[in-house]
N, C-alpha and C. Protein backbone atom coordinates (compact mmCIF):
# COMPACT_ATOMS: atom_id res chain seq x y z
N UNK A 1 -45.86 -64.92 46.25
CA UNK A 1 -45.75 -64.81 44.80
C UNK A 1 -46.65 -65.85 44.13
N UNK A 2 -47.02 -65.55 42.88
CA UNK A 2 -47.93 -66.42 42.13
C UNK A 2 -47.41 -66.54 40.70
N UNK A 3 -48.10 -67.35 39.91
CA UNK A 3 -47.68 -67.55 38.52
C UNK A 3 -48.73 -67.11 37.50
N UNK A 4 -49.94 -66.82 37.95
CA UNK A 4 -51.01 -66.47 37.02
C UNK A 4 -51.66 -67.68 36.37
N UNK A 5 -51.39 -68.88 36.91
CA UNK A 5 -52.04 -70.10 36.42
C UNK A 5 -53.17 -70.44 37.40
N UNK A 6 -54.41 -70.31 36.96
CA UNK A 6 -55.57 -70.48 37.83
C UNK A 6 -55.77 -71.97 38.15
N UNK A 7 -56.01 -72.27 39.44
CA UNK A 7 -56.17 -73.66 39.85
C UNK A 7 -57.56 -73.98 40.41
N UNK A 8 -58.42 -72.97 40.51
CA UNK A 8 -59.79 -73.21 40.96
C UNK A 8 -60.63 -71.98 40.64
N UNK A 9 -61.92 -72.20 40.40
CA UNK A 9 -62.87 -71.10 40.31
C UNK A 9 -63.67 -71.11 41.61
N UNK A 10 -63.45 -70.09 42.42
CA UNK A 10 -64.17 -69.99 43.69
C UNK A 10 -65.51 -69.29 43.51
N UNK A 11 -66.29 -69.29 44.57
CA UNK A 11 -67.59 -68.61 44.57
C UNK A 11 -67.75 -67.87 45.89
N UNK A 12 -68.16 -66.62 45.81
CA UNK A 12 -68.40 -65.83 47.02
C UNK A 12 -69.67 -66.35 47.69
N UNK A 13 -69.52 -66.93 48.88
CA UNK A 13 -70.67 -67.44 49.63
C UNK A 13 -71.37 -66.36 50.42
N UNK A 14 -70.61 -65.43 50.98
CA UNK A 14 -71.23 -64.36 51.75
C UNK A 14 -70.30 -63.17 51.82
N UNK A 15 -70.91 -62.01 52.05
CA UNK A 15 -70.18 -60.75 52.21
C UNK A 15 -70.62 -60.16 53.55
N UNK A 16 -69.67 -59.99 54.47
CA UNK A 16 -69.99 -59.49 55.80
C UNK A 16 -69.31 -58.14 56.01
N UNK A 17 -70.10 -57.10 56.21
CA UNK A 17 -69.57 -55.76 56.44
C UNK A 17 -69.22 -55.59 57.91
N UNK A 18 -67.92 -55.36 58.17
CA UNK A 18 -67.45 -55.13 59.53
C UNK A 18 -66.63 -53.85 59.50
N UNK A 19 -65.57 -53.76 60.33
CA UNK A 19 -64.61 -52.67 60.17
C UNK A 19 -64.00 -52.76 58.80
N UNK A 20 -63.57 -53.98 58.42
CA UNK A 20 -63.23 -54.32 57.05
C UNK A 20 -64.37 -55.18 56.51
N UNK A 21 -64.24 -55.63 55.27
CA UNK A 21 -65.26 -56.50 54.68
C UNK A 21 -64.73 -57.93 54.66
N UNK A 22 -65.50 -58.86 55.19
CA UNK A 22 -65.10 -60.26 55.17
C UNK A 22 -65.87 -60.99 54.07
N UNK A 23 -65.11 -61.67 53.22
CA UNK A 23 -65.68 -62.52 52.19
C UNK A 23 -65.47 -63.99 52.57
N UNK A 24 -66.52 -64.78 52.51
CA UNK A 24 -66.42 -66.23 52.65
C UNK A 24 -66.46 -66.80 51.24
N UNK A 25 -65.43 -67.57 50.88
CA UNK A 25 -65.27 -68.04 49.51
C UNK A 25 -65.30 -69.56 49.46
N UNK A 26 -66.23 -70.10 48.69
CA UNK A 26 -66.29 -71.55 48.46
C UNK A 26 -65.17 -71.95 47.51
N UNK A 27 -64.57 -73.11 47.77
CA UNK A 27 -63.43 -73.54 46.98
C UNK A 27 -63.36 -75.06 46.92
N UNK A 28 -62.65 -75.56 45.91
CA UNK A 28 -62.33 -76.98 45.84
C UNK A 28 -61.08 -77.31 46.64
N UNK A 29 -60.32 -76.30 47.09
CA UNK A 29 -59.12 -76.55 47.87
C UNK A 29 -59.48 -77.24 49.19
N UNK A 30 -58.65 -78.19 49.58
CA UNK A 30 -58.83 -78.87 50.86
C UNK A 30 -58.41 -77.92 51.98
N UNK A 31 -59.31 -77.55 52.88
CA UNK A 31 -58.94 -76.61 53.94
C UNK A 31 -57.85 -77.14 54.86
N UNK A 32 -57.70 -78.47 54.96
CA UNK A 32 -56.63 -79.03 55.80
C UNK A 32 -55.25 -78.65 55.26
N UNK A 33 -55.19 -78.32 53.98
CA UNK A 33 -53.91 -77.96 53.38
C UNK A 33 -53.69 -76.46 53.29
N UNK A 34 -54.59 -75.69 53.90
CA UNK A 34 -54.46 -74.23 53.90
C UNK A 34 -54.14 -73.76 55.31
N UNK A 35 -53.05 -73.04 55.48
CA UNK A 35 -52.70 -72.50 56.79
C UNK A 35 -53.40 -71.16 57.00
N UNK A 36 -53.80 -70.90 58.24
CA UNK A 36 -54.27 -69.56 58.57
C UNK A 36 -53.10 -68.60 58.35
N UNK A 37 -53.33 -67.51 57.65
CA UNK A 37 -52.26 -66.59 57.31
C UNK A 37 -51.68 -66.83 55.93
N UNK A 38 -52.10 -67.91 55.28
CA UNK A 38 -51.62 -68.20 53.93
C UNK A 38 -52.18 -67.18 52.94
N UNK A 39 -51.47 -66.98 51.84
CA UNK A 39 -51.91 -66.07 50.79
C UNK A 39 -52.57 -66.85 49.66
N UNK A 40 -53.70 -66.35 49.20
CA UNK A 40 -54.39 -66.89 48.03
C UNK A 40 -54.73 -65.72 47.12
N UNK A 41 -54.39 -65.83 45.84
CA UNK A 41 -54.75 -64.80 44.88
C UNK A 41 -56.21 -65.01 44.48
N UNK A 42 -57.04 -63.99 44.74
CA UNK A 42 -58.46 -64.04 44.44
C UNK A 42 -58.75 -62.99 43.37
N UNK A 43 -59.03 -63.45 42.14
CA UNK A 43 -59.19 -62.54 41.00
C UNK A 43 -57.96 -61.64 40.86
N UNK A 44 -56.81 -62.18 41.18
CA UNK A 44 -55.56 -61.45 41.02
C UNK A 44 -55.11 -60.66 42.23
N UNK A 45 -55.91 -60.61 43.29
CA UNK A 45 -55.56 -59.87 44.51
C UNK A 45 -55.01 -60.84 45.55
N UNK A 46 -53.83 -60.55 46.06
CA UNK A 46 -53.24 -61.39 47.11
C UNK A 46 -53.96 -61.10 48.42
N UNK A 47 -54.67 -62.10 48.95
CA UNK A 47 -55.45 -61.94 50.17
C UNK A 47 -55.02 -62.99 51.19
N UNK A 48 -55.19 -62.65 52.46
CA UNK A 48 -54.74 -63.50 53.56
C UNK A 48 -55.91 -64.30 54.13
N UNK A 49 -55.70 -65.60 54.26
CA UNK A 49 -56.72 -66.48 54.84
C UNK A 49 -56.80 -66.23 56.34
N UNK A 50 -57.99 -65.87 56.84
CA UNK A 50 -58.16 -65.60 58.27
C UNK A 50 -59.02 -66.67 58.96
N UNK A 51 -59.68 -67.49 58.16
CA UNK A 51 -60.51 -68.56 58.70
C UNK A 51 -60.73 -69.56 57.58
N UNK A 52 -61.07 -70.80 57.93
CA UNK A 52 -61.28 -71.84 56.91
C UNK A 52 -62.15 -72.92 57.51
N UNK A 53 -62.66 -73.79 56.65
CA UNK A 53 -63.45 -74.90 57.16
C UNK A 53 -64.17 -75.65 56.07
N UNK A 54 -65.01 -76.58 56.50
CA UNK A 54 -65.89 -77.30 55.58
C UNK A 54 -67.21 -77.51 56.29
N UNK A 55 -68.28 -77.51 55.53
CA UNK A 55 -69.61 -77.71 56.10
C UNK A 55 -70.49 -78.38 55.05
N UNK A 56 -71.78 -78.32 55.24
CA UNK A 56 -72.69 -78.99 54.32
C UNK A 56 -72.64 -78.44 52.91
N UNK A 57 -72.14 -77.22 52.75
CA UNK A 57 -72.03 -76.62 51.42
C UNK A 57 -70.67 -76.86 50.77
N UNK A 58 -69.73 -77.47 51.53
CA UNK A 58 -68.42 -77.75 50.96
C UNK A 58 -67.30 -77.01 51.66
N UNK A 59 -66.15 -76.93 51.00
CA UNK A 59 -64.96 -76.28 51.55
C UNK A 59 -65.05 -74.77 51.39
N UNK A 60 -64.43 -74.04 52.32
CA UNK A 60 -64.45 -72.58 52.23
C UNK A 60 -63.26 -71.99 52.98
N UNK A 61 -62.96 -70.73 52.65
CA UNK A 61 -62.01 -69.95 53.43
C UNK A 61 -62.51 -68.51 53.47
N UNK A 62 -62.02 -67.76 54.45
CA UNK A 62 -62.45 -66.38 54.64
C UNK A 62 -61.26 -65.44 54.52
N UNK A 63 -61.52 -64.25 53.95
CA UNK A 63 -60.50 -63.21 53.84
C UNK A 63 -61.12 -61.88 54.28
N UNK A 64 -60.31 -61.02 54.89
CA UNK A 64 -60.74 -59.67 55.25
C UNK A 64 -60.11 -58.69 54.27
N UNK A 65 -60.91 -57.76 53.77
CA UNK A 65 -60.45 -56.81 52.75
C UNK A 65 -60.70 -55.39 53.22
N UNK A 66 -59.67 -54.54 53.16
CA UNK A 66 -59.80 -53.15 53.60
C UNK A 66 -60.57 -52.33 52.58
N UNK A 67 -61.03 -51.16 53.01
CA UNK A 67 -61.74 -50.26 52.10
C UNK A 67 -60.84 -49.81 50.96
N UNK A 68 -59.55 -49.61 51.24
CA UNK A 68 -58.60 -49.23 50.21
C UNK A 68 -58.57 -50.26 49.08
N UNK A 69 -58.53 -51.54 49.44
CA UNK A 69 -58.51 -52.60 48.42
C UNK A 69 -59.83 -52.66 47.66
N UNK A 70 -60.94 -52.44 48.36
CA UNK A 70 -62.25 -52.43 47.69
C UNK A 70 -62.32 -51.30 46.68
N UNK A 71 -61.74 -50.15 47.02
CA UNK A 71 -61.80 -48.98 46.14
C UNK A 71 -60.88 -49.10 44.93
N UNK A 72 -59.77 -49.82 45.07
CA UNK A 72 -58.73 -49.85 44.04
C UNK A 72 -58.76 -51.10 43.17
N UNK A 73 -59.70 -51.99 43.41
CA UNK A 73 -59.82 -53.24 42.65
C UNK A 73 -61.29 -53.49 42.33
N UNK A 74 -61.57 -54.62 41.73
CA UNK A 74 -62.96 -54.98 41.45
C UNK A 74 -63.65 -55.63 42.65
N UNK A 75 -62.94 -55.81 43.74
CA UNK A 75 -63.52 -56.52 44.89
C UNK A 75 -64.72 -55.77 45.47
N UNK A 76 -64.77 -54.47 45.29
CA UNK A 76 -65.91 -53.71 45.77
C UNK A 76 -67.20 -54.07 45.06
N UNK A 77 -67.09 -54.75 43.90
CA UNK A 77 -68.27 -55.18 43.14
C UNK A 77 -68.70 -56.61 43.49
N UNK A 78 -67.92 -57.31 44.30
CA UNK A 78 -68.26 -58.70 44.60
C UNK A 78 -69.56 -58.79 45.38
N UNK A 79 -70.39 -59.71 44.95
CA UNK A 79 -71.65 -60.00 45.63
C UNK A 79 -71.76 -61.51 45.83
N UNK A 80 -72.67 -61.92 46.67
CA UNK A 80 -72.89 -63.35 46.88
C UNK A 80 -73.15 -64.04 45.55
N UNK A 81 -72.45 -65.14 45.31
CA UNK A 81 -72.60 -65.90 44.07
C UNK A 81 -71.56 -65.56 43.01
N UNK A 82 -70.79 -64.47 43.19
CA UNK A 82 -69.78 -64.09 42.21
C UNK A 82 -68.73 -65.18 42.07
N UNK A 83 -68.32 -65.46 40.84
CA UNK A 83 -67.27 -66.44 40.55
C UNK A 83 -65.94 -65.73 40.41
N UNK A 84 -64.89 -66.31 41.01
CA UNK A 84 -63.59 -65.65 41.01
C UNK A 84 -62.47 -66.67 40.77
N UNK A 85 -61.45 -66.21 40.05
CA UNK A 85 -60.27 -67.04 39.81
C UNK A 85 -59.43 -67.14 41.08
N UNK A 86 -58.96 -68.36 41.39
CA UNK A 86 -58.15 -68.58 42.58
C UNK A 86 -56.82 -69.22 42.21
N UNK A 87 -55.78 -68.85 42.96
CA UNK A 87 -54.47 -69.49 42.83
C UNK A 87 -53.78 -69.50 44.19
N UNK A 88 -53.29 -70.66 44.60
CA UNK A 88 -52.49 -70.76 45.82
C UNK A 88 -51.11 -70.13 45.58
N UNK A 89 -50.47 -69.68 46.65
CA UNK A 89 -49.15 -69.07 46.55
C UNK A 89 -48.13 -70.09 46.06
N UNK A 90 -47.14 -69.58 45.32
CA UNK A 90 -46.08 -70.41 44.76
C UNK A 90 -45.18 -70.94 45.86
N UNK A 91 -44.84 -72.24 45.77
CA UNK A 91 -43.90 -72.85 46.70
C UNK A 91 -42.56 -73.07 46.01
N UNK A 92 -41.48 -73.11 46.78
CA UNK A 92 -40.16 -73.38 46.22
C UNK A 92 -40.20 -74.72 45.50
N UNK A 93 -39.74 -74.73 44.27
CA UNK A 93 -39.71 -75.96 43.48
C UNK A 93 -40.92 -76.14 42.58
N UNK A 94 -41.97 -75.29 42.76
CA UNK A 94 -43.14 -75.39 41.88
C UNK A 94 -42.77 -74.94 40.47
N UNK A 95 -43.49 -75.48 39.49
CA UNK A 95 -43.29 -75.08 38.10
C UNK A 95 -43.83 -73.67 37.89
N UNK A 96 -43.03 -72.81 37.25
CA UNK A 96 -43.46 -71.46 36.93
C UNK A 96 -44.05 -71.48 35.53
N UNK A 97 -45.33 -71.80 35.45
CA UNK A 97 -45.96 -72.00 34.15
C UNK A 97 -46.39 -70.72 33.47
N UNK A 98 -46.63 -69.65 34.23
CA UNK A 98 -47.06 -68.38 33.63
C UNK A 98 -45.91 -67.39 33.68
N UNK A 99 -46.02 -66.36 34.54
CA UNK A 99 -44.92 -65.45 34.80
C UNK A 99 -45.01 -65.04 36.27
N UNK A 100 -44.02 -64.32 36.76
CA UNK A 100 -43.99 -63.97 38.18
C UNK A 100 -45.05 -62.89 38.45
N UNK A 101 -45.97 -63.22 39.34
CA UNK A 101 -47.11 -62.34 39.67
C UNK A 101 -47.07 -62.05 41.16
N UNK A 102 -47.23 -60.78 41.52
CA UNK A 102 -47.16 -60.39 42.94
C UNK A 102 -48.51 -60.46 43.63
N UNK A 103 -49.60 -60.33 42.86
CA UNK A 103 -50.92 -60.25 43.47
C UNK A 103 -51.27 -58.86 43.95
N UNK A 104 -50.50 -57.85 43.53
CA UNK A 104 -50.77 -56.45 43.86
C UNK A 104 -51.34 -55.77 42.61
N UNK A 105 -52.60 -55.45 42.63
CA UNK A 105 -53.29 -54.91 41.46
C UNK A 105 -52.85 -53.47 41.22
N UNK A 106 -52.49 -53.16 39.96
CA UNK A 106 -52.04 -51.82 39.61
C UNK A 106 -53.18 -50.90 39.18
N UNK A 107 -54.27 -51.47 38.73
CA UNK A 107 -55.40 -50.66 38.29
C UNK A 107 -56.53 -51.54 37.81
N UNK A 108 -57.66 -50.91 37.55
CA UNK A 108 -58.83 -51.63 37.05
C UNK A 108 -59.02 -51.28 35.58
N UNK A 109 -58.94 -52.30 34.72
CA UNK A 109 -59.19 -52.14 33.30
C UNK A 109 -60.64 -52.48 32.97
N UNK A 110 -60.93 -52.51 31.67
CA UNK A 110 -62.30 -52.78 31.24
C UNK A 110 -62.28 -53.55 29.93
N UNK A 111 -63.18 -54.53 29.80
CA UNK A 111 -63.33 -55.26 28.53
C UNK A 111 -64.12 -54.38 27.57
N UNK A 112 -63.55 -54.07 26.41
CA UNK A 112 -64.25 -53.22 25.44
C UNK A 112 -64.74 -54.01 24.23
N UNK A 113 -64.24 -55.23 24.05
CA UNK A 113 -64.70 -56.02 22.91
C UNK A 113 -64.34 -57.49 23.12
N UNK A 114 -65.22 -58.37 22.69
CA UNK A 114 -64.95 -59.82 22.68
C UNK A 114 -65.44 -60.34 21.33
N UNK A 115 -64.57 -61.04 20.62
CA UNK A 115 -65.00 -61.59 19.33
C UNK A 115 -64.29 -62.92 19.07
N UNK A 116 -64.97 -63.84 18.35
CA UNK A 116 -64.33 -65.12 18.05
C UNK A 116 -63.13 -64.93 17.12
N UNK A 117 -62.11 -65.73 17.34
CA UNK A 117 -60.95 -65.77 16.46
C UNK A 117 -60.45 -67.20 16.40
N UNK A 118 -60.84 -67.93 15.37
CA UNK A 118 -60.61 -69.36 15.33
C UNK A 118 -61.43 -70.01 16.43
N UNK A 119 -60.81 -70.93 17.18
CA UNK A 119 -61.50 -71.54 18.33
C UNK A 119 -61.37 -70.69 19.59
N UNK A 120 -60.56 -69.66 19.52
CA UNK A 120 -60.31 -68.80 20.69
C UNK A 120 -61.25 -67.60 20.68
N UNK A 121 -61.13 -66.78 21.72
CA UNK A 121 -61.80 -65.49 21.77
C UNK A 121 -60.75 -64.40 21.86
N UNK A 122 -60.91 -63.37 21.03
CA UNK A 122 -60.02 -62.22 21.11
C UNK A 122 -60.68 -61.16 22.00
N UNK A 123 -60.04 -60.89 23.13
CA UNK A 123 -60.52 -59.86 24.05
C UNK A 123 -59.73 -58.58 23.83
N UNK A 124 -60.42 -57.46 23.82
CA UNK A 124 -59.75 -56.16 23.81
C UNK A 124 -60.07 -55.46 25.12
N UNK A 125 -59.02 -54.97 25.78
CA UNK A 125 -59.14 -54.31 27.08
C UNK A 125 -58.68 -52.87 26.97
N UNK A 126 -59.22 -52.03 27.83
CA UNK A 126 -58.71 -50.68 27.98
C UNK A 126 -58.07 -50.56 29.35
N UNK A 127 -56.80 -50.15 29.36
CA UNK A 127 -56.06 -50.00 30.61
C UNK A 127 -56.18 -48.58 31.12
N UNK A 128 -56.09 -48.37 32.42
CA UNK A 128 -56.14 -47.01 32.96
C UNK A 128 -54.96 -46.18 32.46
N UNK A 129 -55.16 -44.87 32.40
CA UNK A 129 -54.10 -43.96 31.99
C UNK A 129 -52.89 -44.13 32.90
N UNK A 130 -51.71 -44.17 32.30
CA UNK A 130 -50.48 -44.31 33.07
C UNK A 130 -49.91 -45.70 33.08
N UNK A 131 -50.73 -46.70 32.75
CA UNK A 131 -50.23 -48.08 32.75
C UNK A 131 -49.84 -48.57 31.37
N UNK A 132 -50.23 -47.83 30.33
CA UNK A 132 -49.97 -48.28 28.96
C UNK A 132 -48.50 -48.48 28.65
N UNK A 133 -47.63 -47.66 29.25
CA UNK A 133 -46.20 -47.78 28.93
C UNK A 133 -45.58 -49.07 29.45
N UNK A 134 -46.31 -49.76 30.32
CA UNK A 134 -45.81 -51.04 30.85
C UNK A 134 -46.35 -52.24 30.07
N UNK A 135 -47.17 -52.00 29.07
CA UNK A 135 -47.81 -53.09 28.32
C UNK A 135 -47.25 -53.11 26.91
N UNK A 136 -46.70 -54.24 26.48
CA UNK A 136 -46.04 -54.33 25.18
C UNK A 136 -46.46 -55.60 24.45
N UNK A 137 -46.51 -55.56 23.11
CA UNK A 137 -46.82 -56.77 22.34
C UNK A 137 -45.86 -57.91 22.70
N UNK A 138 -46.41 -59.10 22.88
CA UNK A 138 -45.69 -60.32 23.24
C UNK A 138 -45.24 -60.31 24.70
N UNK A 139 -45.56 -59.25 25.43
CA UNK A 139 -45.26 -59.22 26.85
C UNK A 139 -46.36 -59.89 27.65
N UNK A 140 -46.16 -59.97 28.95
CA UNK A 140 -47.13 -60.61 29.84
C UNK A 140 -47.92 -59.57 30.61
N UNK A 141 -49.16 -59.92 30.94
CA UNK A 141 -50.00 -59.09 31.78
C UNK A 141 -50.88 -60.03 32.60
N UNK A 142 -51.24 -59.60 33.79
CA UNK A 142 -52.12 -60.41 34.63
C UNK A 142 -53.48 -59.74 34.70
N UNK A 143 -54.52 -60.47 34.30
CA UNK A 143 -55.89 -59.95 34.29
C UNK A 143 -56.77 -60.88 35.11
N UNK A 144 -57.38 -60.33 36.17
CA UNK A 144 -58.18 -61.14 37.10
C UNK A 144 -57.42 -62.38 37.55
N UNK A 145 -56.11 -62.22 37.73
CA UNK A 145 -55.27 -63.29 38.24
C UNK A 145 -54.70 -64.24 37.21
N UNK A 146 -55.07 -64.04 35.94
CA UNK A 146 -54.65 -64.95 34.87
C UNK A 146 -53.46 -64.38 34.10
N UNK A 147 -52.41 -65.16 33.95
CA UNK A 147 -51.25 -64.76 33.16
C UNK A 147 -51.61 -64.87 31.68
N UNK A 148 -51.54 -63.75 30.96
CA UNK A 148 -51.91 -63.72 29.55
C UNK A 148 -50.84 -63.00 28.74
N UNK A 149 -50.76 -63.35 27.45
CA UNK A 149 -49.79 -62.74 26.54
C UNK A 149 -50.48 -61.67 25.70
N UNK A 150 -49.87 -60.50 25.64
CA UNK A 150 -50.43 -59.38 24.89
C UNK A 150 -50.16 -59.58 23.40
N UNK A 151 -51.19 -59.40 22.57
CA UNK A 151 -51.02 -59.53 21.12
C UNK A 151 -50.69 -58.20 20.45
N UNK A 152 -51.50 -57.17 20.76
CA UNK A 152 -51.23 -55.87 20.16
C UNK A 152 -51.61 -54.79 21.16
N UNK A 153 -51.03 -53.59 20.95
CA UNK A 153 -51.24 -52.46 21.84
C UNK A 153 -51.56 -51.22 21.01
N UNK A 154 -52.55 -50.45 21.46
CA UNK A 154 -52.90 -49.20 20.80
C UNK A 154 -53.01 -48.09 21.85
N UNK A 155 -52.20 -47.06 21.71
CA UNK A 155 -52.28 -45.90 22.60
C UNK A 155 -53.34 -44.94 22.09
N UNK A 156 -54.24 -44.52 22.97
CA UNK A 156 -55.36 -43.68 22.60
C UNK A 156 -55.04 -42.20 22.82
N UNK A 157 -55.65 -41.34 22.02
CA UNK A 157 -55.44 -39.90 22.18
C UNK A 157 -55.93 -39.42 23.54
N UNK A 158 -56.89 -40.16 24.11
CA UNK A 158 -57.42 -39.79 25.42
C UNK A 158 -56.43 -40.02 26.55
N UNK A 159 -55.35 -40.72 26.25
CA UNK A 159 -54.34 -41.02 27.25
C UNK A 159 -54.38 -42.45 27.75
N UNK A 160 -55.44 -43.17 27.43
CA UNK A 160 -55.54 -44.57 27.81
C UNK A 160 -54.84 -45.47 26.80
N UNK A 161 -54.90 -46.75 27.03
CA UNK A 161 -54.29 -47.74 26.14
C UNK A 161 -55.24 -48.91 25.98
N UNK A 162 -55.38 -49.38 24.75
CA UNK A 162 -56.13 -50.61 24.49
C UNK A 162 -55.16 -51.69 24.05
N UNK A 163 -55.44 -52.91 24.48
CA UNK A 163 -54.59 -54.02 24.09
C UNK A 163 -55.44 -55.28 23.96
N UNK A 164 -54.96 -56.21 23.14
CA UNK A 164 -55.72 -57.44 22.89
C UNK A 164 -54.98 -58.67 23.35
N UNK A 165 -55.74 -59.67 23.77
CA UNK A 165 -55.20 -60.98 24.09
C UNK A 165 -56.13 -62.05 23.52
N UNK A 166 -55.58 -63.20 23.22
CA UNK A 166 -56.38 -64.35 22.81
C UNK A 166 -56.54 -65.29 23.99
N UNK A 167 -57.76 -65.76 24.20
CA UNK A 167 -58.02 -66.70 25.29
C UNK A 167 -58.54 -67.99 24.68
N UNK A 168 -57.74 -69.05 24.83
CA UNK A 168 -58.04 -70.33 24.19
C UNK A 168 -59.19 -71.03 24.93
N UNK A 169 -59.82 -72.03 24.29
CA UNK A 169 -60.96 -72.71 24.92
C UNK A 169 -60.64 -73.31 26.28
N UNK A 170 -59.44 -73.88 26.46
CA UNK A 170 -59.08 -74.46 27.75
C UNK A 170 -59.13 -73.40 28.84
N UNK A 171 -58.54 -72.24 28.58
CA UNK A 171 -58.52 -71.17 29.58
C UNK A 171 -59.94 -70.68 29.87
N UNK A 172 -60.77 -70.61 28.85
CA UNK A 172 -62.16 -70.22 29.07
C UNK A 172 -62.88 -71.20 30.00
N UNK A 173 -62.53 -72.48 29.88
CA UNK A 173 -63.22 -73.52 30.64
C UNK A 173 -62.77 -73.59 32.11
N UNK A 174 -61.50 -73.26 32.39
CA UNK A 174 -60.97 -73.46 33.75
C UNK A 174 -60.80 -72.15 34.51
N UNK A 175 -61.26 -71.04 33.94
CA UNK A 175 -61.23 -69.74 34.61
C UNK A 175 -62.58 -69.06 34.42
N UNK A 176 -62.68 -67.86 34.92
CA UNK A 176 -63.93 -67.10 34.76
C UNK A 176 -64.04 -66.41 33.40
N UNK A 177 -63.02 -66.56 32.55
CA UNK A 177 -63.07 -65.88 31.25
C UNK A 177 -64.18 -66.40 30.36
N UNK A 178 -64.62 -67.62 30.57
CA UNK A 178 -65.74 -68.14 29.79
C UNK A 178 -67.06 -67.47 30.14
N UNK A 179 -67.10 -66.72 31.25
CA UNK A 179 -68.31 -66.03 31.69
C UNK A 179 -68.23 -64.52 31.47
N UNK A 180 -67.10 -64.02 30.96
CA UNK A 180 -66.87 -62.59 30.87
C UNK A 180 -67.76 -61.94 29.81
N UNK A 181 -68.06 -60.65 30.02
CA UNK A 181 -68.89 -59.88 29.10
C UNK A 181 -68.25 -58.52 28.82
N UNK A 182 -68.57 -57.98 27.65
CA UNK A 182 -68.11 -56.64 27.31
C UNK A 182 -68.59 -55.66 28.37
N UNK A 183 -67.71 -54.77 28.79
CA UNK A 183 -68.03 -53.79 29.83
C UNK A 183 -67.59 -54.20 31.21
N UNK A 184 -67.26 -55.48 31.42
CA UNK A 184 -66.83 -55.95 32.74
C UNK A 184 -65.52 -55.28 33.15
N UNK A 185 -65.40 -54.87 34.41
CA UNK A 185 -64.11 -54.39 34.92
C UNK A 185 -63.21 -55.57 35.24
N UNK A 186 -61.90 -55.38 35.15
CA UNK A 186 -60.95 -56.45 35.43
C UNK A 186 -59.77 -55.90 36.23
N UNK A 187 -59.27 -56.72 37.14
CA UNK A 187 -58.06 -56.36 37.88
C UNK A 187 -56.84 -56.54 36.98
N UNK A 188 -56.01 -55.53 36.91
CA UNK A 188 -54.85 -55.54 36.02
C UNK A 188 -53.57 -55.38 36.83
N UNK A 189 -52.65 -56.30 36.63
CA UNK A 189 -51.31 -56.18 37.21
C UNK A 189 -50.30 -56.22 36.07
N UNK A 190 -49.47 -55.20 35.98
CA UNK A 190 -48.46 -55.17 34.93
C UNK A 190 -47.33 -56.14 35.26
N UNK A 191 -46.55 -56.48 34.24
CA UNK A 191 -45.43 -57.39 34.40
C UNK A 191 -44.39 -56.75 35.32
N UNK A 192 -43.95 -57.48 36.32
CA UNK A 192 -42.99 -56.96 37.28
C UNK A 192 -41.69 -56.52 36.60
N UNK A 193 -41.25 -57.28 35.60
CA UNK A 193 -40.02 -56.92 34.89
C UNK A 193 -40.19 -55.58 34.19
N UNK A 194 -41.35 -55.37 33.55
CA UNK A 194 -41.61 -54.10 32.87
C UNK A 194 -41.57 -52.93 33.85
N UNK A 195 -42.05 -53.14 35.05
CA UNK A 195 -42.05 -52.09 36.06
C UNK A 195 -40.62 -51.65 36.39
N UNK A 196 -39.73 -52.63 36.59
CA UNK A 196 -38.37 -52.30 36.97
C UNK A 196 -37.58 -51.72 35.81
N UNK A 197 -37.82 -52.22 34.59
CA UNK A 197 -37.14 -51.65 33.43
C UNK A 197 -37.54 -50.19 33.24
N UNK A 198 -38.83 -49.88 33.39
CA UNK A 198 -39.31 -48.51 33.25
C UNK A 198 -38.67 -47.62 34.31
N UNK A 199 -38.52 -48.12 35.51
CA UNK A 199 -37.91 -47.35 36.58
C UNK A 199 -36.44 -47.06 36.29
N UNK A 200 -35.72 -48.05 35.77
CA UNK A 200 -34.32 -47.86 35.42
C UNK A 200 -34.16 -46.84 34.30
N UNK A 201 -35.02 -46.91 33.30
CA UNK A 201 -34.96 -45.96 32.19
C UNK A 201 -35.26 -44.56 32.70
N UNK A 202 -36.22 -44.43 33.59
CA UNK A 202 -36.59 -43.14 34.15
C UNK A 202 -35.41 -42.51 34.90
N UNK A 203 -34.65 -43.33 35.63
CA UNK A 203 -33.52 -42.82 36.42
C UNK A 203 -32.40 -42.35 35.51
N UNK A 204 -32.28 -42.96 34.31
CA UNK A 204 -31.24 -42.54 33.37
C UNK A 204 -31.62 -41.19 32.74
């Protein structure tokens, strides 16, 4: 489990095509404190550490990603040099600063607009059809691994949903959101509580 509070911006050092795809990711995390088999959320995707180390380029860890995950997330677009949000798995007793995040991506959204709003940036996203009913004003959503609060929601006649969030300067500086551009795809995970509430309502 995770909280959606980003603790490092990693960099894809290499992409190795095998049976699965292996990504080597540069990080500020101390590899001595990472266990093989540990989970790290990479741009919101819970991935398993299969190798780790340090060398002349710094600290790194490796993850293997299946074709299914590449097809259903933005990971299929990762190339050498790509910057990604990282978060270590939550430990018992850690502060839950964001909201409960599973690291299981529900769909790929898209940035449709970015505009200044005070010192912050107002981002507008389009969610895939079928996920809009889980997104509500003042609710939580995870985008590229970041826990964010939804400001407004608009259901489109096309069946999709657009929603806005504000990203403050601090968040822009310590995550990849300061590098984001209109048109970029984003990993979207709906709020776990919303998922279960929707299921209960459906059963009634």
